[in-house]
Amino acid sequence: MKVDVLLGLQWGDEGKGKVVDVLTPKYNIIARFQGGPNAGHTLEFEGIKHVLHTIPSGIFRPEVLNLVGNGVVIDPVIFKGEMDKLAPFNINFQERLFISKKAHLILPTHKLLDAASETSKGKNKIGSTLKGIGPTYMDKTGRNGLRVGDIFSPNFKEKYDALIEKHLGILRHYDDFSYDLKALEKDWMEGLEVLKTLKAVDSEHFLNQALLAGKKILAEGAQGTMLDIDFGTYPFVTSSNTVTAGTCTGLGIAPNKIGDVIGIFKAYCTRVGSGPFPTELLDEVGEEIRREGREFGATTGRPRRCGWIDLVQMRYAIMINGVTELSMMKADILSIFDEIKVCTHYIINGEKVVDFPFDVNDLEIEPVYLSLPGWKTDLTELRSYANAPKELKDYVTYLEKELNVPINVVSVGPDREQTLLK
């Protein structure tokens, strides 16, 4: 058996949670492999909307196990809050949710360091969600971090106090930055006790033994390819590897154990926070997409920047990830337009560019568009791709031809029932 991977191909917010939920019945284990509570995976079914930040999106299926892998960073406060919100749905967390002992913990002072650092940048902010993700990964690579396995150690308090003291020393260098650490620590310690009630496992052994036993595993990514620390639009990126390669380091899976790679993308494109966005629409069309698509961050509530789909960026993401199939989300949002535009290439310094450049931050990029007919039809009641309007099918066919990868799923609404399997 091999591990299939599902991840975002744009700047995050592509709709990964919904597709994981739809695909989960095909799998025995859903495993998050990177990121932290900066993720906001939205699932909607039976008239209820759920937003998950750390817990894998397969948690609502009683027959499926869910694993938070070693590549994820965990905030006990947010984790407890997620579990509390799910309490009315009678989910047996002790039987269905596993945590890697090697996953790192976000301390209260990690969030303080995040806020202090971002504030000090002024207009050069990178758009951090202020969840403490970056400082936690910095401690991980700096070999100072605390891991889930440490909370069961007799000298955990000693390790915790030493790291807190290190952070407080750094915070003293920020002028006019005030905080109440004691209040933050109270909630954090309560969350830690809840974390202790779950099964902490050696996740690399857990998953590889599951593969040997013939279990089917889906690795769930967070954020999007263009936010990858190595291959995204640096420095306006997250602190982890959001691409397929992150599955290997984030779960302990060998490269030859990777199976299908499912790339999720919107029929248009969005981005939250700072950073380059070549096809961003700073006009009424961009506003229309935002209004129609309710494009506000599931985690932060920040309005998302909106634009047309970018095939230069998409080809790059497909190449980096080795994508074998695609899922197109939010096709229903574009129903309001007479025509839909697709960026086919860039003009940079008077030259045609089809490969995503090294650094798009300081380049004058002119996106070149092709216009395609819109479908101008409400898609939300569709339940079969065969009944889709011709213009939508033509749009899908065009993208498949240009991207050289099949689109197997077309989403026409937020509910799990509003999913067309092509």
Protein backbone atom coordinates (compact mmCIF):
# COMPACT_ATOMS: atom_id res chain seq x y z
CA MET A 1 0.00 0.00 0.00
CA LYS A 2 0.99 3.63 -0.53
CA VAL A 3 0.04 6.94 1.08
CA ASP A 4 -2.07 9.27 -1.05
CA VAL A 5 -1.51 12.99 -0.53
CA LEU A 6 -4.05 15.81 -0.68
CA LEU A 7 -2.80 19.41 -0.71
CA GLY A 8 -3.51 22.93 -1.90
CA LEU A 9 -2.02 24.27 -5.13
CA GLN A 10 -2.51 28.00 -4.59
CA TRP A 11 -2.07 30.29 -1.54
CA GLY A 12 -4.22 28.19 0.77
CA ASP A 13 -8.00 28.30 1.40
CA GLU A 14 -8.62 26.06 -1.62
CA GLY A 15 -11.21 23.84 0.09
CA LYS A 16 -9.04 20.93 1.20
CA GLY A 17 -11.18 20.09 4.23
CA LYS A 18 -14.28 19.46 2.16
CA VAL A 19 -12.49 17.15 -0.27
CA VAL A 20 -10.85 15.20 2.57
CA ASP A 21 -14.30 14.74 4.12
CA VAL A 22 -15.72 13.53 0.79
CA LEU A 23 -12.82 11.12 0.17
CA THR A 24 -12.45 9.85 3.74
CA PRO A 25 -14.74 6.79 3.31
CA LYS A 26 -12.10 5.39 0.92
CA TYR A 27 -9.41 5.48 3.63
CA ASN A 28 -8.64 3.96 7.04
CA ILE A 29 -6.41 6.78 8.33
CA ILE A 30 -6.31 10.54 7.72
CA ALA A 31 -2.99 12.13 8.75
CA ARG A 32 -2.10 15.85 8.98
CA PHE A 33 1.57 16.28 8.06
CA GLN A 34 2.48 19.96 8.58
CA GLY A 35 1.36 23.40 9.70
CA GLY A 36 -0.56 24.26 12.82
CA PRO A 37 -3.66 26.13 13.97
CA ASN A 38 -3.12 28.71 11.24
CA ALA A 39 -5.01 26.21 9.08
CA GLY A 40 -8.77 26.58 8.73
CA HIS A 41 -10.30 23.51 7.08
CA THR A 42 -14.04 24.06 6.57
CA LEU A 43 -16.47 21.16 6.29
CA GLU A 44 -20.23 21.51 5.83
CA PHE A 45 -22.86 18.76 6.00
CA GLU A 46 -26.34 18.22 7.45
CA GLY A 47 -26.76 21.99 7.62
CA ILE A 48 -23.82 22.49 10.00
CA LYS A 49 -20.53 24.23 9.25
CA HIS A 50 -17.37 23.04 11.01
CA VAL A 51 -13.93 24.69 10.98
CA LEU A 52 -10.95 22.53 11.98
CA HIS A 53 -7.53 23.99 12.74
CA THR A 54 -5.38 21.06 13.87
CA ILE A 55 -7.62 18.02 14.03
CA PRO A 56 -7.65 16.10 10.69
CA SER A 57 -10.75 16.46 8.51
CA GLY A 58 -11.67 12.77 8.76
CA ILE A 59 -12.73 13.12 12.39
CA PHE A 60 -16.47 13.02 11.60
CA ARG A 61 -16.30 9.52 10.07
CA PRO A 62 -16.56 7.01 12.97
CA GLU A 63 -14.79 4.20 11.13
CA VAL A 64 -11.66 6.26 10.34
CA LEU A 65 -8.58 6.95 12.50
CA ASN A 66 -7.05 10.44 12.52
CA LEU A 67 -3.41 11.29 13.21
CA VAL A 68 -1.71 14.63 13.92
CA GLY A 69 1.77 13.98 12.52
CA ASN A 70 5.22 14.98 13.74
CA GLY A 71 5.42 17.83 11.20
CA VAL A 72 2.49 19.64 12.84
CA VAL A 73 2.86 22.21 15.63
CA ILE A 74 0.14 22.09 18.30
CA ASP A 75 -1.33 24.82 20.49
CA PRO A 76 -3.00 23.01 23.45
CA VAL A 77 -5.40 25.94 23.98
CA ILE A 78 -6.72 25.91 20.40
CA PHE A 79 -6.71 22.11 20.35
CA LYS A 80 -8.88 21.98 23.47
CA GLY A 81 -11.19 24.59 21.93
CA GLU A 82 -11.61 22.44 18.82
CA MET A 83 -12.46 19.40 20.91
CA ASP A 84 -14.95 21.41 22.99
CA LYS A 85 -16.76 22.57 19.84
CA LEU A 86 -16.97 18.99 18.59
CA ALA A 87 -18.25 17.65 21.94
CA PRO A 88 -21.97 17.82 20.93
CA PHE A 89 -21.28 15.39 18.08
CA ASN A 90 -20.26 12.52 20.38
CA ILE A 91 -16.88 11.91 18.78
CA ASN A 92 -14.79 9.30 20.58
CA PHE A 93 -11.47 11.18 20.54
CA GLN A 94 -9.70 8.58 22.65
CA GLU A 95 -10.34 5.91 20.02
CA ARG A 96 -10.19 7.95 16.81
CA LEU A 97 -7.57 10.68 17.36
CA PHE A 98 -3.83 10.02 17.71
CA ILE A 99 -1.02 12.53 18.27
CA SER A 100 2.61 12.07 17.26
CA LYS A 101 5.00 12.19 20.20
CA LYS A 102 7.36 14.14 17.92
CA ALA A 103 4.89 16.96 17.14
CA HIS A 104 6.12 20.26 18.63
CA LEU A 105 4.17 22.35 21.11
CA ILE A 106 3.32 26.03 20.68
CA LEU A 107 4.05 27.72 24.01
CA PRO A 108 2.29 30.89 25.22
CA THR A 109 5.51 32.82 24.66
CA HIS A 110 5.73 31.61 21.06
CA LYS A 111 2.57 33.62 20.35
CA LEU A 112 3.99 36.63 22.19
CA LEU A 113 7.19 36.44 20.12
CA ASP A 114 5.11 36.19 16.95
CA ALA A 115 3.08 39.29 17.83
CA ALA A 116 6.11 41.30 18.94
CA SER A 117 8.08 40.44 15.80
CA GLU A 118 5.21 41.21 13.42
CA THR A 119 4.45 44.52 15.13
CA SER A 120 8.08 45.60 14.90
CA LYS A 121 8.10 45.05 11.12
CA GLY A 122 5.65 47.88 10.51
CA LYS A 123 4.75 48.14 6.82
CA ASN A 124 7.01 45.15 6.05
CA LYS A 125 4.73 42.69 7.84
CA ILE A 126 4.63 39.21 6.28
CA GLY A 127 0.98 38.64 7.20
CA SER A 128 1.47 36.24 10.10
CA THR A 129 -1.69 34.80 11.69
CA LEU A 130 -0.01 35.49 15.07
CA LYS A 131 -0.59 31.90 16.21
CA GLY A 132 3.05 31.37 17.19
CA ILE A 133 3.71 29.04 14.27
CA GLY A 134 6.94 30.66 13.03
CA PRO A 135 8.66 30.94 16.44
CA THR A 136 7.73 27.33 17.21
CA TYR A 137 9.33 26.07 13.99
CA MET A 138 12.35 28.28 14.74
CA ASP A 139 12.77 26.55 18.10
CA LYS A 140 12.34 23.20 16.36
CA THR A 141 15.17 23.86 13.92
CA GLY A 142 17.17 25.57 16.67
CA ARG A 143 16.87 22.36 18.73
CA ASN A 144 15.19 24.09 21.65
CA GLY A 145 11.60 22.97 21.13
CA LEU A 146 9.25 20.99 23.33
CA ARG A 147 7.46 18.00 21.85
CA VAL A 148 4.28 16.15 22.79
CA GLY A 149 6.35 13.25 24.11
CA ASP A 150 8.05 15.62 26.55
CA ILE A 151 4.82 16.27 28.48
CA PHE A 152 5.02 12.73 29.90
CA SER A 153 8.61 13.26 31.05
CA PRO A 154 9.35 13.79 34.79
CA ASN A 155 11.49 16.84 33.95
CA PHE A 156 8.94 18.49 31.63
CA LYS A 157 8.46 21.49 33.96
CA GLU A 158 12.20 22.10 33.98
CA LYS A 159 12.34 22.03 30.16
CA TYR A 160 9.29 24.27 29.93
CA ASP A 161 10.65 26.86 32.36
CA ALA A 162 14.01 26.99 30.57
CA LEU A 163 12.39 27.68 27.20
CA ILE A 164 10.01 30.27 28.66
CA GLU A 165 12.96 32.08 30.24
CA LYS A 166 14.78 32.13 26.91
CA HIS A 167 11.70 33.65 25.24
CA LEU A 168 11.26 36.28 27.95
CA GLY A 169 14.86 37.34 27.39
CA ILE A 170 14.09 37.92 23.71
CA LEU A 171 10.86 39.80 24.48
CA ARG A 172 12.77 42.28 26.66
CA HIS A 173 14.34 43.64 23.47
CA TYR A 174 10.95 44.82 22.16
CA ASP A 175 10.03 48.27 23.46
CA ASP A 176 6.45 49.05 24.50
CA PHE A 177 5.28 45.45 24.16
CA SER A 178 3.16 44.42 27.14
CA TYR A 179 1.64 41.06 27.97
CA ASP A 180 0.15 38.95 30.79
CA LEU A 181 1.99 35.63 30.68
CA LYS A 182 0.28 34.21 33.79
CA ALA A 183 -3.17 34.48 32.18
CA LEU A 184 -1.91 32.81 29.01
CA GLU A 185 -0.23 30.02 30.97
CA LYS A 186 -3.43 29.13 32.87
CA ASP A 187 -5.34 28.28 29.68
CA TRP A 188 -2.26 26.59 28.19
CA MET A 189 -1.84 24.22 31.13
CA GLU A 190 -5.55 23.34 31.01
CA GLY A 191 -5.18 22.51 27.32
CA LEU A 192 -2.14 20.39 28.08
CA GLU A 193 -4.17 18.23 30.47
CA VAL A 194 -6.71 17.59 27.70
CA LEU A 195 -3.89 16.70 25.29
CA LYS A 196 -2.68 14.11 27.80
CA THR A 197 -5.99 12.24 27.52
CA LEU A 198 -5.30 11.36 23.87
CA LYS A 199 -3.12 8.57 22.54
CA ALA A 200 0.41 9.79 21.89
CA VAL A 201 2.16 7.45 19.46
CA ASP A 202 5.41 6.96 17.60
CA SER A 203 3.65 8.03 14.43
CA GLU A 204 6.30 6.87 11.96
CA HIS A 205 5.95 3.29 13.29
CA PHE A 206 2.17 3.65 13.56
CA LEU A 207 1.79 4.61 9.89
CA ASN A 208 4.34 2.24 8.40
CA GLN A 209 2.87 -0.70 10.31
CA ALA A 210 -0.57 0.34 9.04
CA LEU A 211 0.75 0.28 5.47
CA LEU A 212 2.17 -3.22 5.99
CA ALA A 213 -1.24 -4.27 7.28
CA GLY A 214 -2.86 -3.05 4.05
CA LYS A 215 -4.48 0.07 5.49
CA LYS A 216 -5.25 2.99 3.18
CA ILE A 217 -3.83 6.35 4.32
CA LEU A 218 -4.54 9.89 3.12
CA ALA A 219 -2.05 12.61 4.08
CA GLU A 220 -3.82 15.96 4.58
CA GLY A 221 -1.84 19.12 3.87
CA ALA A 222 -2.50 22.60 5.22
CA GLN A 223 -2.03 26.06 3.66
CA GLY A 224 -0.99 25.91 -0.03
CA THR A 225 1.97 25.27 -2.31
CA MET A 226 2.69 28.97 -2.82
CA LEU A 227 3.14 29.34 0.95
CA ASP A 228 5.82 26.63 1.11
CA ILE A 229 8.94 27.77 2.99
CA ASP A 230 11.21 26.68 0.10
CA PHE A 231 9.08 26.96 -3.04
CA GLY A 232 6.50 29.60 -2.15
CA THR A 233 6.61 33.37 -2.63
CA TYR A 234 9.30 33.85 0.02
CA PRO A 235 9.41 35.59 2.47
CA PHE A 236 5.60 35.85 2.42
CA VAL A 237 5.21 32.17 3.24
CA THR A 238 4.48 29.84 6.14
CA SER A 239 7.17 28.09 8.18
CA SER A 240 6.75 24.52 6.92
CA ASN A 241 6.92 22.49 3.71
CA THR A 242 3.38 22.48 2.36
CA VAL A 243 4.32 20.40 -0.71
CA THR A 244 4.28 16.63 -1.26
CA ALA A 245 7.84 16.30 0.05
CA GLY A 246 6.56 17.56 3.41
CA THR A 247 4.60 14.32 3.74
CA CYS A 248 7.83 12.34 4.04
CA THR A 249 9.35 14.52 6.76
CA GLY A 250 6.02 15.32 8.42
CA LEU A 251 4.87 11.72 8.81
CA GLY A 252 7.97 9.54 8.48
CA ILE A 253 6.87 8.11 5.12
CA ALA A 254 9.55 7.08 2.59
CA PRO A 255 9.37 8.77 -0.85
CA ASN A 256 8.68 5.44 -2.56
CA LYS A 257 5.57 5.06 -0.39
CA ILE A 258 3.82 8.10 -1.92
CA GLY A 259 0.89 7.15 -4.15
CA ASP A 260 -1.60 9.50 -5.78
CA VAL A 261 -1.20 13.25 -5.25
CA ILE A 262 -4.52 15.11 -5.28
CA GLY A 263 -4.14 18.84 -5.95
CA ILE A 264 -6.94 21.15 -4.80
CA PHE A 265 -7.53 24.52 -6.46
CA LYS A 266 -10.23 27.13 -6.77
CA ALA A 267 -11.79 27.93 -10.14
CA TYR A 268 -10.33 31.38 -9.47
CA CYS A 269 -7.58 32.39 -7.02
CA THR A 270 -7.30 34.01 -3.58
CA ARG A 271 -4.64 35.06 -1.11
CA VAL A 272 -4.79 36.22 2.52
CA GLY A 273 -2.32 38.74 3.93
CA SER A 274 0.77 40.29 2.37
CA GLY A 275 2.83 39.10 -0.57
CA PRO A 276 2.77 39.00 -4.37
CA PHE A 277 -0.35 37.91 -6.25
CA PRO A 278 0.09 38.39 -10.03
CA THR A 279 -3.59 38.00 -11.01
CA GLU A 280 -5.08 39.99 -8.14
CA LEU A 281 -8.10 42.09 -9.17
CA LEU A 282 -8.18 45.48 -7.46
CA ASP A 283 -11.48 46.43 -9.03
CA GLU A 284 -15.19 45.70 -8.80
CA VAL A 285 -14.68 42.22 -10.33
CA GLY A 286 -12.40 41.29 -7.44
CA GLU A 287 -15.00 42.64 -5.00
CA GLU A 288 -17.74 40.62 -6.72
CA ILE A 289 -15.74 37.41 -6.36
CA ARG A 290 -15.09 38.19 -2.68
CA ARG A 291 -18.76 38.89 -1.98
CA GLU A 292 -20.10 35.92 -3.94
CA GLY A 293 -17.48 33.52 -2.57
CA ARG A 294 -17.66 34.87 1.00
CA GLU A 295 -13.89 35.08 0.86
CA PHE A 296 -12.91 35.72 4.44
CA GLY A 297 -10.33 33.65 6.31
CA ALA A 298 -11.74 30.68 8.27
CA THR A 299 -9.07 31.19 10.95
CA THR A 300 -8.49 34.95 10.97
CA GLY A 301 -11.63 36.40 9.39
CA ARG A 302 -9.42 38.59 7.19
CA PRO A 303 -10.82 39.46 3.74
CA ARG A 304 -9.08 37.47 1.02
CA ARG A 305 -7.58 39.12 -2.03
CA CYS A 306 -9.22 37.73 -5.17
CA GLY A 307 -8.20 37.24 -8.80
CA TRP A 308 -8.52 35.03 -11.86
CA ILE A 309 -6.88 31.63 -12.03
CA ASP A 310 -3.15 31.71 -12.87
CA LEU A 311 -1.91 28.87 -15.08
CA VAL A 312 1.75 29.92 -14.71
CA GLN A 313 1.44 29.46 -10.98
CA MET A 314 -0.68 26.29 -11.31
CA ARG A 315 1.76 24.52 -13.65
CA TYR A 316 4.55 25.32 -11.20
CA ALA A 317 2.58 23.88 -8.26
CA ILE A 318 1.66 20.74 -10.22
CA MET A 319 5.31 20.20 -11.16
CA ILE A 320 6.64 20.68 -7.61
CA ASN A 321 4.09 18.30 -6.12
CA GLY A 322 3.92 15.61 -8.79
CA VAL A 323 0.13 16.02 -8.93
CA THR A 324 -1.71 13.06 -10.47
CA GLU A 325 -5.29 14.38 -10.26
CA LEU A 326 -7.08 17.66 -9.58
CA SER A 327 -10.14 18.82 -7.67
CA MET A 328 -11.64 22.16 -8.71
CA MET A 329 -13.49 24.05 -5.99
CA LYS A 330 -16.05 26.88 -5.97
CA ALA A 331 -17.11 26.60 -9.60
CA ASP A 332 -20.52 27.91 -8.45
CA ILE A 333 -19.02 31.27 -7.47
CA LEU A 334 -18.15 32.13 -11.08
CA SER A 335 -21.78 31.67 -12.20
CA ILE A 336 -22.30 35.44 -11.94
CA PHE A 337 -19.92 36.25 -14.83
CA ASP A 338 -20.63 36.45 -18.57
CA GLU A 339 -16.99 35.62 -19.24
CA ILE A 340 -14.23 34.07 -17.18
CA LYS A 341 -10.58 34.93 -17.60
CA VAL A 342 -7.57 32.65 -17.35
CA CYS A 343 -3.98 33.91 -17.04
CA THR A 344 -2.01 31.95 -19.66
CA HIS A 345 1.41 33.62 -19.22
CA TYR A 346 3.19 36.73 -17.92
CA ILE A 347 4.94 39.62 -19.65
CA ILE A 348 8.06 40.63 -17.67
CA ASN A 349 10.42 43.28 -19.06
CA GLY A 350 8.72 42.91 -22.44
CA GLU A 351 9.26 39.15 -22.62
CA LYS A 352 6.77 36.29 -22.49
CA VAL A 353 7.24 34.18 -19.34
CA VAL A 354 5.62 30.76 -18.81
CA ASP A 355 7.74 29.50 -15.88
CA PHE A 356 7.08 30.93 -12.43
CA PRO A 357 10.01 33.29 -11.65
CA PHE A 358 12.50 33.07 -8.76
CA ASP A 359 11.31 36.21 -6.98
CA VAL A 360 8.04 37.84 -7.94
CA ASN A 361 8.10 40.37 -5.10
CA ASP A 362 9.93 43.12 -6.96
CA LEU A 363 9.02 42.28 -10.57
CA GLU A 364 6.60 44.23 -12.72
CA ILE A 365 4.39 41.38 -13.92
CA GLU A 366 1.72 41.83 -16.58
CA PRO A 367 -0.61 38.82 -16.60
CA VAL A 368 -1.95 37.93 -20.06
CA TYR A 369 -5.51 36.62 -20.11
CA LEU A 370 -7.66 34.41 -22.31
CA SER A 371 -11.43 34.92 -22.01
CA LEU A 372 -13.80 31.94 -21.92
CA PRO A 373 -17.62 31.99 -21.93
CA GLY A 374 -19.25 31.86 -18.48
CA TRP A 375 -22.08 29.45 -17.69
CA LYS A 376 -24.41 32.04 -16.05
CA THR A 377 -26.33 29.21 -14.39
CA ASP A 378 -26.85 28.30 -10.74
CA LEU A 379 -24.78 25.16 -10.18
CA THR A 380 -25.61 24.56 -6.52
CA GLU A 381 -28.44 22.07 -7.21
CA LEU A 382 -26.31 19.99 -9.60
CA ARG A 383 -25.60 16.44 -8.43
CA SER A 384 -24.20 14.97 -11.64
CA TYR A 385 -21.38 16.26 -13.82
CA ALA A 386 -23.20 14.85 -16.86
CA ASN A 387 -25.90 17.49 -16.32
CA ALA A 388 -23.45 20.40 -16.00
CA PRO A 389 -23.76 23.26 -18.52
CA LYS A 390 -21.58 23.00 -21.62
CA GLU A 391 -19.61 26.15 -20.73
CA LEU A 392 -18.53 24.66 -17.38
CA LYS A 393 -17.48 21.43 -19.09
CA ASP A 394 -15.55 23.47 -21.67
CA TYR A 395 -13.79 25.37 -18.86
CA VAL A 396 -12.82 22.09 -17.18
CA THR A 397 -11.65 20.57 -20.48
CA TYR A 398 -9.55 23.65 -21.26
CA LEU A 399 -7.85 23.53 -17.83
CA GLU A 400 -7.18 19.80 -18.15
CA LYS A 401 -5.54 20.34 -21.52
CA GLU A 402 -3.41 23.26 -20.33
CA LEU A 403 -2.38 21.62 -17.04
CA ASN A 404 -2.05 18.09 -18.45
CA VAL A 405 -3.71 16.58 -15.37
CA PRO A 406 -7.29 15.24 -15.08
CA ILE A 407 -9.85 17.13 -12.99
CA ASN A 408 -11.79 14.37 -11.21
CA VAL A 409 -13.82 16.47 -8.75
CA VAL A 410 -15.80 19.67 -9.35
CA SER A 411 -17.31 21.36 -6.30
CA VAL A 412 -20.50 23.40 -6.74
CA GLY A 413 -21.17 24.40 -3.12
CA PRO A 414 -19.88 24.04 0.44
CA ASP A 415 -21.89 20.95 1.43
CA ARG A 416 -20.38 17.49 0.96
CA GLU A 417 -23.41 16.66 -1.25
CA GLN A 418 -22.50 19.50 -3.63
CA THR A 419 -19.61 17.56 -5.11
CA LEU A 420 -19.54 16.31 -8.69
CA LEU A 421 -17.35 13.26 -9.32
CA LYS A 422 -16.30 13.44 -12.94
